[in-house]
C-alpha atoms as a PDB file:
ATOM      1  CA  MET A   1    -120.422  87.812-114.223  1.00  0.00           C
ATOM      2  CA  ILE A   2    -123.809  88.834-112.822  1.00  0.00           C
ATOM      3  CA  SER A   3    -124.314  92.469-111.825  1.00  0.00           C
ATOM      4  CA  ILE A   4    -126.875  92.997-109.056  1.00  0.00           C
ATOM      5  CA  ASP A   5    -127.685  96.677-109.404  1.00  0.00           C
ATOM      6  CA  SER A   6    -130.550  97.279-106.994  1.00  0.00           C
ATOM      7  CA  ILE A   7    -131.077  96.436-103.344  1.00  0.00           C
ATOM      8  CA  THR A   8    -134.549  95.127-104.188  1.00  0.00           C
ATOM      9  CA  GLU A   9    -133.038  92.676-106.671  1.00  0.00           C
ATOM     10  CA  PHE A  10    -130.583  91.428-104.048  1.00  0.00           C
ATOM     11  CA  HIS A  11    -133.392  90.952-101.509  1.00  0.00           C
ATOM     12  CA  ARG A  12    -135.318  88.802-103.956  1.00  0.00           C
ATOM     13  CA  LEU A  13    -132.253  86.691-104.767  1.00  0.00           C
ATOM     14  CA  VAL A  14    -131.729  85.807-101.096  1.00  0.00           C
ATOM     15  CA  GLY A  15    -135.391  85.255-100.253  1.00  0.00           C
ATOM     16  CA  LEU A  16    -135.997  88.489 -98.362  1.00  0.00           C
ATOM     17  CA  PRO A  17    -139.115  90.683 -98.690  1.00  0.00           C
ATOM     18  CA  ASP A  18    -138.643  93.877-100.678  1.00  0.00           C
ATOM     19  CA  PRO A  19    -136.832  96.577 -98.673  1.00  0.00           C
ATOM     20  CA  LEU A  20    -138.896  99.304 -97.013  1.00  0.00           C
ATOM     21  CA  HIS A  21    -136.528 101.890 -98.500  1.00  0.00           C
ATOM     22  CA  PRO A  22    -135.189 101.246-102.033  1.00  0.00           C
ATOM     23  CA  LEU A  23    -131.767 102.797-101.336  1.00  0.00           C
ATOM     24  CA  ILE A  24    -130.849 101.325 -97.935  1.00  0.00           C
ATOM     25  CA  SER A  25    -131.520  98.096 -96.096  1.00  0.00           C
ATOM     26  CA  VAL A  26    -130.415  96.379 -92.898  1.00  0.00           C
ATOM     27  CA  PHE A  27    -131.284  92.765 -92.229  1.00  0.00           C
ATOM     28  CA  LYS A  28    -130.074  89.872 -90.146  1.00  0.00           C
ATOM     29  CA  VAL A  29    -127.896  87.553 -92.185  1.00  0.00           C
ATOM     30  CA  SER A  30    -129.721  84.562 -90.681  1.00  0.00           C
ATOM     31  CA  GLU A  31    -132.811  85.711 -92.617  1.00  0.00           C
ATOM     32  CA  MET A  32    -131.159  85.075 -95.981  1.00  0.00           C
ATOM     33  CA  GLN A  33    -131.997  81.918 -97.921  1.00  0.00           C
ATOM     34  CA  PHE A  34    -129.232  81.101-100.425  1.00  0.00           C
ATOM     35  CA  GLU A  35    -130.006  78.775-103.281  1.00  0.00           C
ATOM     36  CA  GLU A  36    -127.318  77.127-105.356  1.00  0.00           C
ATOM     37  CA  THR A  37    -127.398  79.183-108.538  1.00  0.00           C
ATOM     38  CA  GLU A  38    -124.984  80.494-111.145  1.00  0.00           C
ATOM     39  CA  VAL A  39    -125.422  84.005-109.702  1.00  0.00           C
ATOM     40  CA  TRP A  40    -123.177  83.344-106.718  1.00  0.00           C
ATOM     41  CA  LYS A  41    -120.251  81.975-108.720  1.00  0.00           C
ATOM     42  CA  GLN A  42    -119.212  85.467-109.773  1.00  0.00           C
ATOM     43  CA  PHE A  43    -121.165  88.632-109.123  1.00  0.00           C
ATOM     44  CA  SER A  44    -120.877  92.299-108.250  1.00  0.00           C
ATOM     45  CA  LEU A  45    -123.134  94.687-106.385  1.00  0.00           C
ATOM     46  CA  GLY A  46    -124.159  98.168-107.473  1.00  0.00           C
ATOM     47  CA  PHE A  47    -124.093  99.403-103.878  1.00  0.00           C
ATOM     48  CA  TYR A  48    -122.003  99.385-100.708  1.00  0.00           C
ATOM     49  CA  CYS A  49    -122.221  96.338 -98.469  1.00  0.00           C
ATOM     50  CA  ILE A  50    -121.163  96.351 -94.809  1.00  0.00           C
ATOM     51  CA  SER A  51    -121.505  93.125 -92.876  1.00  0.00           C
ATOM     52  CA  LEU A  52    -121.066  92.073 -89.277  1.00  0.00           C
ATOM     53  CA  LYS A  53    -120.970  88.292 -89.382  1.00  0.00           C
ATOM     54  CA  ARG A  54    -120.212  85.271 -87.258  1.00  0.00           C
ATOM     55  CA  GLY A  55    -120.388  81.511 -87.880  1.00  0.00           C
ATOM     56  CA  ILE A  56    -120.839  81.529 -91.652  1.00  0.00           C
ATOM     57  CA  GLY A  57    -121.331  78.069 -93.135  1.00  0.00           C
ATOM     58  CA  SER A  58    -120.017  79.016 -96.571  1.00  0.00           C
ATOM     59  CA  LYS A  59    -116.828  80.688 -97.740  1.00  0.00           C
ATOM     60  CA  VAL A  60    -116.850  84.050 -99.441  1.00  0.00           C
ATOM     61  CA  ARG A  61    -114.278  84.809-102.112  1.00  0.00           C
ATOM     62  CA  TYR A  62    -113.456  88.474-102.607  1.00  0.00           C
ATOM     63  CA  GLY A  63    -110.451  89.929-104.408  1.00  0.00           C
ATOM     64  CA  GLY A  64    -108.738  86.569-104.792  1.00  0.00           C
ATOM     65  CA  GLN A  65    -108.971  85.506-101.148  1.00  0.00           C
ATOM     66  CA  TYR A  66    -111.326  83.179 -99.264  1.00  0.00           C
ATOM     67  CA  TYR A  67    -112.574  83.890 -95.795  1.00  0.00           C
ATOM     68  CA  ASP A  68    -114.658  81.859 -93.370  1.00  0.00           C
ATOM     69  CA  TYR A  69    -116.341  83.760 -90.570  1.00  0.00           C
ATOM     70  CA  ASP A  70    -115.724  81.642 -87.517  1.00  0.00           C
ATOM     71  CA  LYS A  71    -115.616  84.716 -85.261  1.00  0.00           C
ATOM     72  CA  GLY A  72    -117.273  88.133 -85.243  1.00  0.00           C
ATOM     73  CA  VAL A  73    -115.829  90.191 -88.086  1.00  0.00           C
ATOM     74  CA  MET A  74    -116.797  93.128 -90.255  1.00  0.00           C
ATOM     75  CA  THR A  75    -116.285  93.353 -94.003  1.00  0.00           C
ATOM     76  CA  PHE A  76    -116.702  96.368 -96.255  1.00  0.00           C
ATOM     77  CA  ILE A  77    -117.376  96.026 -99.981  1.00  0.00           C
ATOM     78  CA  SER A  78    -117.656  98.918-102.420  1.00  0.00           C
ATOM     79  CA  PRO A  79    -119.797  98.894-105.584  1.00  0.00           C
ATOM     80  CA  LYS A  80    -118.605  96.875-108.592  1.00  0.00           C
ATOM     81  CA  GLN A  81    -116.201  94.673-106.613  1.00  0.00           C
ATOM     82  CA  VAL A  82    -116.191  91.096-107.905  1.00  0.00           C
ATOM     83  CA  GLN A  83    -117.259  88.453-105.371  1.00  0.00           C
ATOM     84  CA  SER A  84    -118.301  84.822-105.213  1.00  0.00           C
ATOM     85  CA  VAL A  85    -119.906  82.602-102.590  1.00  0.00           C
ATOM     86  CA  ASP A  86    -119.091  78.904-102.326  1.00  0.00           C
ATOM     87  CA  ILE A  87    -122.255  77.082-101.269  1.00  0.00           C
ATOM     88  CA  PRO A  88    -121.255  73.726 -99.766  1.00  0.00           C
ATOM     89  CA  HIS A  89    -124.144  71.506-100.935  1.00  0.00           C
ATOM     90  CA  SER A  90    -126.437  71.315-103.947  1.00  0.00           C
ATOM     91  CA  GLU A  91    -129.570  72.068-101.963  1.00  0.00           C
ATOM     92  CA  ILE A  92    -131.359  75.080-100.571  1.00  0.00           C
ATOM     93  CA  LEU A  93    -129.305  76.193 -97.602  1.00  0.00           C
ATOM     94  CA  GLY A  94    -130.930  78.545 -95.173  1.00  0.00           C
ATOM     95  CA  ASN A  95    -128.304  78.002 -92.508  1.00  0.00           C
ATOM     96  CA  ILE A  96    -125.129  79.105 -94.309  1.00  0.00           C
ATOM     97  CA  ALA A  97    -125.592  82.807 -93.614  1.00  0.00           C
ATOM     98  CA  GLY A  98    -124.717  82.552 -89.916  1.00  0.00           C
ATOM     99  CA  ASP A  99    -125.434  85.358 -87.454  1.00  0.00           C
ATOM    100  CA  GLY A 100    -125.068  89.112 -87.620  1.00  0.00           C
ATOM    101  CA  TYR A 101    -126.226  91.978 -89.814  1.00  0.00           C
ATOM    102  CA  THR A 102    -125.781  93.198 -93.352  1.00  0.00           C
ATOM    103  CA  LEU A 103    -126.173  96.856 -94.332  1.00  0.00           C
ATOM    104  CA  LEU A 104    -126.689  97.771 -97.990  1.00  0.00           C
ATOM    105  CA  ILE A 105    -126.379 101.407 -99.100  1.00  0.00           C
ATOM    106  CA  HIS A 106    -126.963 102.580-102.645  1.00  0.00           C
ATOM    107  CA  PRO A 107    -124.737 105.522-103.681  1.00  0.00           C
ATOM    108  CA  ASN A 108    -127.855 107.473-104.724  1.00  0.00           C
ATOM    109  CA  LEU A 109    -128.820 107.765-101.044  1.00  0.00           C
ATOM    110  CA  LEU A 110    -125.650 109.763-100.345  1.00  0.00           C
ATOM    111  CA  TYR A 111    -125.483 112.145-103.306  1.00  0.00           C
ATOM    112  CA  THR A 112    -126.662 115.285-101.470  1.00  0.00           C
ATOM    113  CA  TYR A 113    -124.415 114.662 -98.438  1.00  0.00           C
ATOM    114  CA  PRO A 114    -120.644 115.211 -97.922  1.00  0.00           C
ATOM    115  CA  ILE A 115    -120.312 111.485 -97.153  1.00  0.00           C
ATOM    116  CA  ALA A 116    -120.874 110.770-100.867  1.00  0.00           C
ATOM    117  CA  GLU A 117    -117.266 111.879-101.407  1.00  0.00           C
ATOM    118  CA  ASN A 118    -115.893 111.073 -97.953  1.00  0.00           C
ATOM    119  CA  ILE A 119    -116.871 107.405 -98.111  1.00  0.00           C
ATOM    120  CA  LYS A 120    -114.276 106.939-100.878  1.00  0.00           C
ATOM    121  CA  HIS A 121    -111.528 107.790 -98.382  1.00  0.00           C
ATOM    122  CA  PHE A 122    -112.289 104.878 -96.063  1.00  0.00           C
ATOM    123  CA  GLY A 123    -109.609 102.523 -97.385  1.00  0.00           C
ATOM    124  CA  PHE A 124    -111.106  99.409 -95.791  1.00  0.00           C
ATOM    125  CA  PHE A 125    -113.697  99.232 -98.592  1.00  0.00           C
ATOM    126  CA  SER A 126    -110.802  98.010-100.757  1.00  0.00           C
ATOM    127  CA  TYR A 127    -109.351  95.503 -98.280  1.00  0.00           C
ATOM    128  CA  GLU A 128    -109.270  91.794 -99.022  1.00  0.00           C
ATOM    129  CA  VAL A 129    -111.656  89.642 -96.993  1.00  0.00           C
ATOM    130  CA  ASN A 130    -108.743  88.132 -95.073  1.00  0.00           C
ATOM    131  CA  GLU A 131    -108.037  91.688 -93.864  1.00  0.00           C
ATOM    132  CA  ALA A 132    -111.447  91.893 -92.205  1.00  0.00           C
ATOM    133  CA  LEU A 133    -112.028  93.838 -89.007  1.00  0.00           C
ATOM    134  CA  HIS A 134    -112.039  91.481 -86.013  1.00  0.00           C
ATOM    135  CA  LEU A 135    -114.181  92.689 -83.139  1.00  0.00           C
ATOM    136  CA  SER A 136    -114.080  92.068 -79.427  1.00  0.00           C
ATOM    137  CA  GLU A 137    -117.371  91.063 -77.861  1.00  0.00           C
ATOM    138  CA  LYS A 138    -117.904  94.599 -76.542  1.00  0.00           C
ATOM    139  CA  LYS A 139    -117.208  96.205 -79.936  1.00  0.00           C
ATOM    140  CA  GLU A 140    -119.400  93.656 -81.663  1.00  0.00           C
ATOM    141  CA  VAL A 141    -122.338  94.552 -79.415  1.00  0.00           C
ATOM    142  CA  TYR A 142    -121.806  98.264 -80.071  1.00  0.00           C
ATOM    143  CA  ILE A 143    -121.706  97.824 -83.851  1.00  0.00           C
ATOM    144  CA  ALA A 144    -124.777  95.595 -83.735  1.00  0.00           C
ATOM    145  CA  GLU A 145    -126.637  98.307 -81.813  1.00  0.00           C
ATOM    146  CA  LEU A 146    -125.740 100.903 -84.453  1.00  0.00           C
ATOM    147  CA  LEU A 147    -126.919  98.623 -87.239  1.00  0.00           C
ATOM    148  CA  GLU A 148    -130.138  97.925 -85.365  1.00  0.00           C
ATOM    149  CA  LYS A 149    -130.762 101.683 -85.059  1.00  0.00           C
ATOM    150  CA  ILE A 150    -130.328 102.097 -88.817  1.00  0.00           C
ATOM    151  CA  ARG A 151    -132.716  99.182 -89.312  1.00  0.00           C
ATOM    152  CA  GLU A 152    -135.302 100.865 -87.128  1.00  0.00           C
ATOM    153  CA  GLU A 153    -134.977 104.113 -89.112  1.00  0.00           C
ATOM    154  CA  CYS A 154    -135.679 102.223 -92.334  1.00  0.00           C
ATOM    155  CA  ALA A 155    -139.139 101.518 -90.930  1.00  0.00           C
ATOM    156  CA  HIS A 156    -139.859 105.216 -90.267  1.00  0.00           C
ATOM    157  CA  ILE A 157    -140.005 107.099 -93.552  1.00  0.00           C
ATOM    158  CA  ASP A 158    -140.386 110.811 -92.797  1.00  0.00           C
ATOM    159  CA  ARG A 159    -138.547 114.083 -93.487  1.00  0.00           C
ATOM    160  CA  THR A 160    -135.687 113.415 -91.085  1.00  0.00           C
ATOM    161  CA  THR A 161    -135.262 109.683 -91.689  1.00  0.00           C
ATOM    162  CA  GLN A 162    -132.596 110.014 -94.366  1.00  0.00           C
ATOM    163  CA  ASP A 163    -130.600 112.588 -92.372  1.00  0.00           C
ATOM    164  CA  ILE A 164    -130.583 110.290 -89.341  1.00  0.00           C
ATOM    165  CA  MET A 165    -129.610 107.213 -91.381  1.00  0.00           C
ATOM    166  CA  VAL A 166    -126.706 109.066 -93.022  1.00  0.00           C
ATOM    167  CA  ALA A 167    -125.544 110.386 -89.649  1.00  0.00           C
ATOM    168  CA  LEU A 168    -125.623 106.865 -88.201  1.00  0.00           C
ATOM    169  CA  LEU A 169    -123.711 105.573 -91.237  1.00  0.00           C
ATOM    170  CA  GLU A 170    -120.999 108.197 -90.718  1.00  0.00           C
ATOM    171  CA  LEU A 171    -120.765 107.181 -87.063  1.00  0.00           C
ATOM    172  CA  LEU A 172    -120.490 103.523 -88.045  1.00  0.00           C
ATOM    173  CA  LEU A 173    -117.682 104.234 -90.530  1.00  0.00           C
ATOM    174  CA  ASN A 174    -115.713 106.403 -88.118  1.00  0.00           C
ATOM    175  CA  TYR A 175    -115.923 103.786 -85.372  1.00  0.00           C
ATOM    176  CA  SER A 176    -114.827 101.155 -87.885  1.00  0.00           C
ATOM    177  CA  LYS A 177    -111.841 103.324 -88.776  1.00  0.00           C
ATOM    178  CA  ARG A 178    -110.948 103.641 -85.074  1.00  0.00           C
ATOM    179  CA  PHE A 179    -111.275  99.889 -84.525  1.00  0.00           C
ATOM    180  CA  TYR A 180    -109.066  99.167 -87.544  1.00  0.00           C
ATOM    181  CA  GLU A 181    -106.386 101.531 -86.216  1.00  0.00           C
ATOM    182  CA  ARG A 182    -106.471  99.670 -82.899  1.00  0.00           C
ATOM    183  CA  GLN A 183    -106.271  96.365 -84.748  1.00  0.00           C
ATOM    184  CA  PHE A 184    -103.095  97.513 -86.503  1.00  0.00           C
ATOM    185  CA  LEU A 185    -101.591  98.226 -83.078  1.00  0.00           C
ATOM    186  CA  THR A 186    -102.716  94.991 -81.431  1.00  0.00           C
ATOM    187  CA  ARG A 187    -101.208  93.060 -84.343  1.00  0.00           C
ATOM    188  CA  LYS A 188     -98.019  95.090 -84.215  1.00  0.00           C
ATOM    189  CA  ALA A 189     -95.703  92.069 -84.214  1.00  0.00           C
ATOM    190  CA  VAL A 190     -97.254  90.700 -87.399  1.00  0.00           C
ATOM    191  CA  ASN A 191     -97.294  94.123 -89.037  1.00  0.00           C
ATOM    192  CA  ASN A 192     -93.689  94.837 -88.028  1.00  0.00           C
ATOM    193  CA  ASP A 193     -92.761  91.606 -89.777  1.00  0.00           C
ATOM    194  CA  LEU A 194     -94.544  92.880 -92.895  1.00  0.00           C
ATOM    195  CA  LEU A 195     -92.656  96.161 -92.607  1.00  0.00           C
ATOM    196  CA  THR A 196     -89.323  94.324 -92.371  1.00  0.00           C
ATOM    197  CA  LYS A 197     -90.163  92.236 -95.441  1.00  0.00           C
ATOM    198  CA  LEU A 198     -91.203  95.380 -97.296  1.00  0.00           C
ATOM    199  CA  GLU A 199     -87.908  97.141 -96.574  1.00  0.00           C
ATOM    200  CA  GLN A 200     -85.928  94.041 -97.565  1.00  0.00           C
ATOM    201  CA  TYR A 201     -87.833  93.755-100.822  1.00  0.00           C
ATOM    202  CA  LEU A 202     -87.259  97.436-101.654  1.00  0.00           C
ATOM    203  CA  ASP A 203     -83.529  97.081-100.973  1.00  0.00           C
ATOM    204  CA  GLN A 204     -83.353  94.056-103.266  1.00  0.00           C
ATOM    205  CA  TYR A 205     -85.437  95.780-105.931  1.00  0.00           C
ATOM    206  CA  PHE A 206     -83.237  98.877-106.092  1.00  0.00           C
ATOM    207  CA  ASP A 207     -80.042  96.796-106.108  1.00  0.00           C
ATOM    208  CA  SER A 208     -81.215  94.470-108.896  1.00  0.00           C
ATOM    209  CA  GLU A 209     -81.991  94.782-112.578  1.00  0.00           C
ATOM    210  CA  ASP A 210     -85.707  94.937-111.753  1.00  0.00           C
ATOM    211  CA  ILE A 211     -85.510  98.698-111.351  1.00  0.00           C
ATOM    212  CA  LEU A 212     -84.054  99.035-114.867  1.00  0.00           C
ATOM    213  CA  ASN A 213     -86.450  96.583-116.461  1.00  0.00           C
ATOM    214  CA  ASN A 214     -89.675  97.553-114.683  1.00  0.00           C
ATOM    215  CA  GLY A 215     -89.165 101.122-113.498  1.00  0.00           C
ATOM    216  CA  LEU A 216     -90.078 102.562-110.121  1.00  0.00           C
ATOM    217  CA  PRO A 217     -91.860 100.182-107.712  1.00  0.00           C
ATOM    218  CA  THR A 218     -95.550 100.820-107.206  1.00  0.00           C
ATOM    219  CA  VAL A 219     -97.760 100.365-104.153  1.00  0.00           C
ATOM    220  CA  GLU A 220     -99.636  97.656-106.073  1.00  0.00           C
ATOM    221  CA  LEU A 221     -96.389  95.752-106.718  1.00  0.00           C
ATOM    222  CA  LEU A 222     -95.351  95.884-103.061  1.00  0.00           C
ATOM    223  CA  ALA A 223     -98.802  94.811-101.885  1.00  0.00           C
ATOM    224  CA  SER A 224     -98.794  91.821-104.243  1.00  0.00           C
ATOM    225  CA  LYS A 225     -95.371  90.729-102.984  1.00  0.00           C
ATOM    226  CA  LEU A 226     -96.592  90.908 -99.378  1.00  0.00           C
ATOM    227  CA  HIS A 227     -99.979  89.287-100.200  1.00  0.00           C
ATOM    228  CA  VAL A 228    -102.035  92.201 -98.878  1.00  0.00           C
ATOM    229  CA  SER A 229    -104.252  94.768-100.581  1.00  0.00           C
ATOM    230  CA  PRO A 230    -102.743  98.177-101.507  1.00  0.00           C
ATOM    231  CA  HIS A 231    -105.063 100.137 -99.213  1.00  0.00           C
ATOM    232  CA  TYR A 232    -104.421  97.793 -96.301  1.00  0.00           C
ATOM    233  CA  LEU A 233    -100.655  98.148 -96.813  1.00  0.00           C
ATOM    234  CA  SER A 234    -100.833 101.949 -96.838  1.00  0.00           C
ATOM    235  CA  ASP A 235    -103.137 102.130 -93.819  1.00  0.00           C
ATOM    236  CA  MET A 236    -100.999  99.645 -91.883  1.00  0.00           C
ATOM    237  CA  LEU A 237     -97.812 101.601 -92.654  1.00  0.00           C
ATOM    238  CA  ARG A 238     -99.458 104.875 -91.692  1.00  0.00           C
ATOM    239  CA  SER A 239    -100.428 103.357 -88.359  1.00  0.00           C
ATOM    240  CA  LEU A 240     -96.895 102.048 -87.687  1.00  0.00           C
ATOM    241  CA  THR A 241     -94.713 104.757 -89.225  1.00  0.00           C
ATOM    242  CA  GLY A 242     -96.910 107.773 -89.920  1.00  0.00           C
ATOM    243  CA  GLN A 243     -96.267 107.303 -93.662  1.00  0.00           C
ATOM    244  CA  ASN A 244     -98.235 105.555 -96.371  1.00  0.00           C
ATOM    245  CA  ALA A 245     -96.686 103.137 -98.865  1.00  0.00           C
ATOM    246  CA  GLN A 246     -96.078 105.773-101.536  1.00  0.00           C
ATOM    247  CA  GLN A 247     -94.199 107.981 -99.083  1.00  0.00           C
ATOM    248  CA  LEU A 248     -92.075 105.022 -97.976  1.00  0.00           C
ATOM    249  CA  ILE A 249     -91.150 104.308-101.604  1.00  0.00           C
ATOM    250  CA  GLN A 250     -90.143 107.946-102.093  1.00  0.00           C
ATOM    251  CA  ASP A 251     -87.983 107.851 -98.964  1.00  0.00           C
ATOM    252  CA  LYS A 252     -86.188 104.780-100.294  1.00  0.00           C
ATOM    253  CA  ILE A 253     -85.616 106.532-103.641  1.00  0.00           C
ATOM    254  CA  ILE A 254     -84.153 109.591-101.891  1.00  0.00           C
ATOM    255  CA  ASP A 255     -81.897 107.424 -99.697  1.00  0.00           C
ATOM    256  CA  LYS A 256     -80.553 105.559-102.733  1.00  0.00           C
ATOM    257  CA  ALA A 257     -80.087 108.822-104.645  1.00  0.00           C
ATOM    258  CA  LYS A 258     -78.100 110.310-101.750  1.00  0.00           C
ATOM    259  CA  GLU A 259     -75.974 107.163-101.636  1.00  0.00           C
ATOM    260  CA  TYR A 260     -75.144 107.385-105.354  1.00  0.00           C
ATOM    261  CA  LEU A 261     -74.493 111.134-105.195  1.00  0.00           C
ATOM    262  CA  THR A 262     -72.120 110.717-102.241  1.00  0.00           C
ATOM    263  CA  LEU A 263     -70.303 107.469-102.999  1.00  0.00           C
ATOM    264  CA  THR A 264     -70.129 107.322-106.811  1.00  0.00           C
ATOM    265  CA  ASN A 265     -69.095 109.515-109.727  1.00  0.00           C
ATOM    266  CA  MET A 266     -72.256 108.758-111.699  1.00  0.00           C
ATOM    267  CA  SER A 267     -73.843 111.775-113.349  1.00  0.00           C
ATOM    268  CA  VAL A 268     -77.274 112.919-112.184  1.00  0.00           C
ATOM    269  CA  SER A 269     -78.714 111.584-115.444  1.00  0.00           C
ATOM    270  CA  GLU A 270     -77.162 108.183-114.817  1.00  0.00           C
ATOM    271  CA  ILE A 271     -78.490 108.114-111.259  1.00  0.00           C
ATOM    272  CA  ALA A 272     -81.982 109.048-112.431  1.00  0.00           C
ATOM    273  CA  TYR A 273     -81.869 106.206-114.972  1.00  0.00           C
ATOM    274  CA  ARG A 274     -80.489 103.785-112.374  1.00  0.00           C
ATOM    275  CA  LEU A 275     -83.403 104.610-110.077  1.00  0.00           C
ATOM    276  CA  GLY A 276     -86.020 103.919-112.736  1.00  0.00           C
ATOM    277  CA  PHE A 277     -86.898 107.459-113.824  1.00  0.00           C
ATOM    278  CA  GLY A 278     -87.798 107.934-117.458  1.00  0.00           C
ATOM    279  CA  TYR A 279     -87.168 111.670-117.278  1.00  0.00           C
ATOM    280  CA  LEU A 280     -84.346 113.533-115.542  1.00  0.00           C
ATOM    281  CA  GLN A 281     -86.686 116.423-114.749  1.00  0.00           C
ATOM    282  CA  SER A 282     -88.967 114.142-112.733  1.00  0.00           C
ATOM    283  CA  PHE A 283     -86.040 112.912-110.646  1.00  0.00           C
ATOM    284  CA  ASN A 284     -84.722 116.462-110.048  1.00  0.00           C
ATOM    285  CA  LYS A 285     -88.180 117.655-109.028  1.00  0.00           C
ATOM    286  CA  MET A 286     -88.749 114.804-106.548  1.00  0.00           C
ATOM    287  CA  PHE A 287     -85.280 115.154-105.044  1.00  0.00           C
ATOM    288  CA  LYS A 288     -85.545 118.917-104.544  1.00  0.00           C
ATOM    289  CA  ARG A 289     -89.037 118.615-103.085  1.00  0.00           C
ATOM    290  CA  ASN A 290     -87.759 116.180-100.452  1.00  0.00           C
ATOM    291  CA  VAL A 291     -84.252 117.514 -99.752  1.00  0.00           C
ATOM    292  CA  SER A 292     -84.669 121.245-100.541  1.00  0.00           C
ATOM    293  CA  LEU A 293     -81.532 120.995-102.707  1.00  0.00           C
ATOM    294  CA  SER A 294     -81.029 119.901-106.294  1.00  0.00           C
ATOM    295  CA  PRO A 295     -79.011 116.696-106.760  1.00  0.00           C
ATOM    296  CA  LEU A 296     -75.971 118.720-107.903  1.00  0.00           C
ATOM    297  CA  GLN A 297     -76.271 121.092-104.943  1.00  0.00           C
ATOM    298  CA  PHE A 298     -76.507 118.121-102.588  1.00  0.00           C
ATOM    299  CA  ARG A 299     -73.400 116.494-104.145  1.00  0.00           C
ATOM    300  CA  HIS A 300     -71.444 119.754-103.898  1.00  0.00           C
ATOM    301  CA  PHE A 301     -72.519 120.264-100.277  1.00  0.00           C
ATOM    302  CA  ARG A 302     -71.591 116.686 -99.295  1.00  0.00           C
ATOM    303  CA  ASN A 303     -68.224 116.845-101.078  1.00  0.00           C
ATOM    304  CA  SER A 304     -67.384 120.144 -99.416  1.00  0.00           C
ATOM    305  CA  ALA A 305     -68.434 118.839 -96.000  1.00  0.00           C
ATOM    306  CA  THR A 306     -66.297 115.717 -96.273  1.00  0.00           C
ATOM    307  CA  LYS A 307     -63.105 117.404 -97.480  1.00  0.00           C
ATOM    308  CA  PRO A 308     -60.264 117.265 -94.914  1.00  0.00           C
ATOM    309  CA  PHE A 309     -58.882 120.535 -93.539  1.00  0.00           C
END
């Protein structure tokens, strides 16, 4: 795998002049000239990459998924993520890049700003490419204007340039977050179907030997079963239910624990084992944190409440 660590190196690989600022660059994707080379078969970038693209002639593979940009979409790639580009012909292809903008930001640009830490909390940097942000024409124009403003700032190197570029980047990320939240709502039918499949899978998992053999389900396991990325799953669930994937798993554990405590004579240790806990203390702690009663207190309360007069 090839690691492209500097923005200048990337510019040279795609036939662009060296960037005016070594730590940030905005360019039109139509300006790139891809050559068929081993570099694009598997590579990673040492910087963030945000793209607004339309009409791409090649397919980009990222995180195990392929995506072709037939409409205006945004993608967000964090440093060190493995990518590949499938170039369709063995010739120099200047027309595969399509239309739109690409923004490259090296982490060193952000180190003295709060965004250096905050950018890690924008989950869409870990989405698969097939979970890209689809933009309406109006939103696409707005994002393009923001990217053009950042591009203009790159040409004006003075004392306030970096502050302005970082402020514009924060604005871009926050609008992207808003647009993603709206996308979750506009695709509610599809996402509700994912939620139904998730709940069915959890029910099957807890009722099967999988829980004994593999332990508690993880967000990564659920995401792989639903063919989405873990961050996308959590953000989608938060939009629909107000809870992320980890919280939903905990709720399912508590529901099953209550069921066993109420309807069976299993000991608390047996229930903890049946639910995939390696340590009884961990189960007791989770249960009390969520129910405000220990498992034994809950069982006693339920048994007392259900006794006939």
